[in-house]
Protein backbone atom coordinates (compact mmCIF):
# COMPACT_ATOMS: atom_id res chain seq x y z
CA MET A 1 0.09 0.04 0.08
CA PHE A 2 3.02 2.42 1.07
CA GLU A 3 4.07 2.10 -2.79
CA LYS A 4 1.46 5.04 -3.24
CA PHE A 5 2.60 7.26 -0.71
CA THR A 6 5.03 10.47 -1.29
CA GLU A 7 7.86 10.43 0.82
CA LYS A 8 6.44 13.06 3.37
CA ALA A 9 3.86 10.50 3.75
CA ILE A 10 5.87 8.07 4.37
CA ASN A 11 7.97 10.06 6.80
CA VAL A 12 4.35 11.03 8.78
CA VAL A 13 3.33 7.10 9.25
CA THR A 14 7.34 6.40 9.95
CA GLU A 15 6.96 9.07 12.66
CA ALA A 16 3.67 7.82 14.20
CA GLN A 17 5.09 4.34 14.27
CA ASN A 18 8.07 5.75 16.48
CA LEU A 19 5.76 7.73 18.63
CA ALA A 20 4.34 4.42 19.23
CA LYS A 21 7.63 2.75 19.99
CA ALA A 22 8.53 5.30 22.37
CA ASP A 23 5.16 5.54 24.11
CA ARG A 24 5.35 1.57 24.10
CA CYS A 25 1.70 1.11 22.95
CA VAL A 26 1.11 -2.23 21.39
CA CYS A 27 0.20 -0.68 18.42
CA VAL A 28 -0.03 2.41 15.93
CA VAL A 29 -3.55 3.94 16.70
CA PRO A 30 -4.30 7.72 14.99
CA GLU A 31 -3.91 9.63 17.77
CA HIS A 32 -0.17 8.67 16.75
CA LEU A 33 -0.59 9.60 13.91
CA LEU A 34 -2.72 13.32 14.59
CA LEU A 35 0.70 14.08 16.82
CA ALA A 36 3.11 13.23 13.77
CA LEU A 37 0.86 15.57 11.36
CA VAL A 38 1.58 18.39 13.64
CA LYS A 39 5.20 17.21 14.17
CA GLU A 40 5.95 17.07 10.96
CA ALA A 41 3.74 20.25 9.44
CA LYS A 42 4.68 22.36 6.72
CA GLY A 43 3.26 24.77 4.49
CA ILE A 44 -0.34 25.53 5.27
CA SER A 45 -1.08 22.50 7.35
CA LEU A 46 1.64 24.65 9.87
CA LYS A 47 -0.06 27.60 8.96
CA ILE A 48 -3.79 26.19 10.54
CA PHE A 49 -2.38 24.17 13.34
CA LYS A 50 -0.49 27.58 14.57
CA SER A 51 -4.12 29.72 13.90
CA TYR A 52 -5.36 27.13 16.76
CA GLY A 53 -2.03 27.43 18.69
CA ILE A 54 -2.09 24.01 18.47
CA ASP A 55 1.60 22.55 18.45
CA PHE A 56 3.45 19.34 19.29
CA ASP A 57 3.28 19.46 23.23
CA VAL A 58 0.25 20.92 23.70
CA LEU A 59 -1.49 18.18 21.32
CA GLN A 60 0.42 15.09 23.42
CA LYS A 61 -0.46 16.75 26.63
CA LYS A 62 -4.40 17.21 25.50
CA LEU A 63 -4.61 13.17 23.63
CA ILE A 64 -6.17 10.57 25.35
CA PHE A 65 -4.94 7.09 23.50
CA SER A 66 -7.29 4.10 24.12
CA VAL A 67 -4.53 1.82 23.40
CA GLY A 68 -2.36 -0.83 25.77
CA LYS A 69 1.46 -0.40 26.58
CA THR A 70 4.06 -2.66 27.08
CA GLU A 71 6.73 -3.36 29.42
CA ARG A 72 9.30 -4.21 26.68
CA ASN A 73 9.98 -2.53 23.47
CA LEU A 74 8.61 -4.21 20.65
CA PRO A 75 10.90 -4.77 17.57
CA ALA A 76 7.96 -3.84 15.23
CA ILE A 77 4.17 -2.43 16.26
CA ALA A 78 1.04 -3.43 14.24
CA PHE A 79 -1.59 -0.89 13.24
CA SER A 80 -4.86 -0.89 14.39
CA GLU A 81 -7.69 -1.44 12.74
CA ASN A 82 -8.52 2.13 13.13
CA MET A 83 -5.21 3.20 11.67
CA LYS A 84 -5.61 0.88 8.66
CA THR A 85 -9.03 2.47 8.00
CA LEU A 86 -7.51 5.88 8.15
CA LEU A 87 -4.66 4.96 6.28
CA LEU A 88 -6.62 3.79 3.43
CA HIS A 89 -9.63 7.14 3.86
CA ALA A 90 -6.68 8.90 2.61
CA VAL A 91 -5.56 6.45 -0.32
CA ASN A 92 -9.61 6.77 -1.76
CA LEU A 93 -9.17 10.22 -0.85
CA ALA A 94 -5.55 10.32 -3.27
CA SER A 95 -7.47 8.52 -5.60
CA LYS A 96 -11.01 10.68 -5.66
CA SER A 97 -8.95 13.96 -6.37
CA GLY A 98 -7.03 12.56 -9.49
CA ASN A 99 -3.60 12.07 -7.87
CA ALA A 100 -1.59 8.57 -8.48
CA THR A 101 -0.05 9.12 -4.76
CA VAL A 102 -1.07 9.95 -1.57
CA LEU A 103 -0.16 13.23 0.07
CA TYR A 104 0.65 14.55 3.60
CA GLU A 105 -2.67 16.58 2.95
CA HIS A 106 -4.28 13.37 2.47
CA LEU A 107 -3.43 12.08 5.67
CA PHE A 108 -4.18 15.31 7.00
CA LEU A 109 -7.99 15.53 5.88
CA SER A 110 -8.28 11.40 6.85
CA VAL A 111 -7.56 12.28 10.43
CA LEU A 112 -9.83 15.39 10.23
CA LEU A 113 -12.55 13.82 9.07
CA ASP A 114 -12.23 10.73 11.42
CA ARG A 115 -14.81 10.56 13.92
CA THR A 116 -13.63 7.39 15.41
CA SER A 117 -10.55 8.45 17.29
CA ASN A 118 -9.84 10.83 20.56
CA ASN A 119 -8.46 13.20 17.57
CA TYR A 120 -11.76 14.91 16.40
CA LYS A 121 -12.87 15.73 20.24
CA THR A 122 -9.59 16.51 21.23
CA LEU A 123 -8.61 19.13 18.31
CA ILE A 124 -12.74 20.47 19.15
CA ASN A 125 -11.48 21.27 22.69
CA LEU A 126 -8.61 23.19 21.62
CA GLY A 127 -10.57 25.18 19.49
CA PHE A 128 -9.90 23.93 16.10
CA ASP A 129 -12.72 23.86 13.77
CA VAL A 130 -12.48 21.17 11.95
CA GLU A 131 -15.92 21.85 9.56
CA LYS A 132 -13.83 25.01 8.69
């Protein structure tokens, strides 16, 4: 699936995996992807996050993760079903917009449209206008 992702999009997914590993989570969840998106934000997405006063540290303190932890370092961490769905949604968004590749922006939109994770509520609580 990742052959359709641009280098920037792959970097964001890789960063989500790194964040999950660092937090000793048993899997990568959509909340890790949102954190990675904020951490790797550039251009319009950076301007959007900054306009709402959202940065990595603020978001990390506010996000609630619904994933188990492990005592040991796992060599590889799987994606949760919600994360897989989110990545497939990004692929579909890219296809619908006429792009052959998945861009950072498709991941960003996919996260914003996701109502199953804690991302939506957290962003709303931080004053982020998702509909706008």
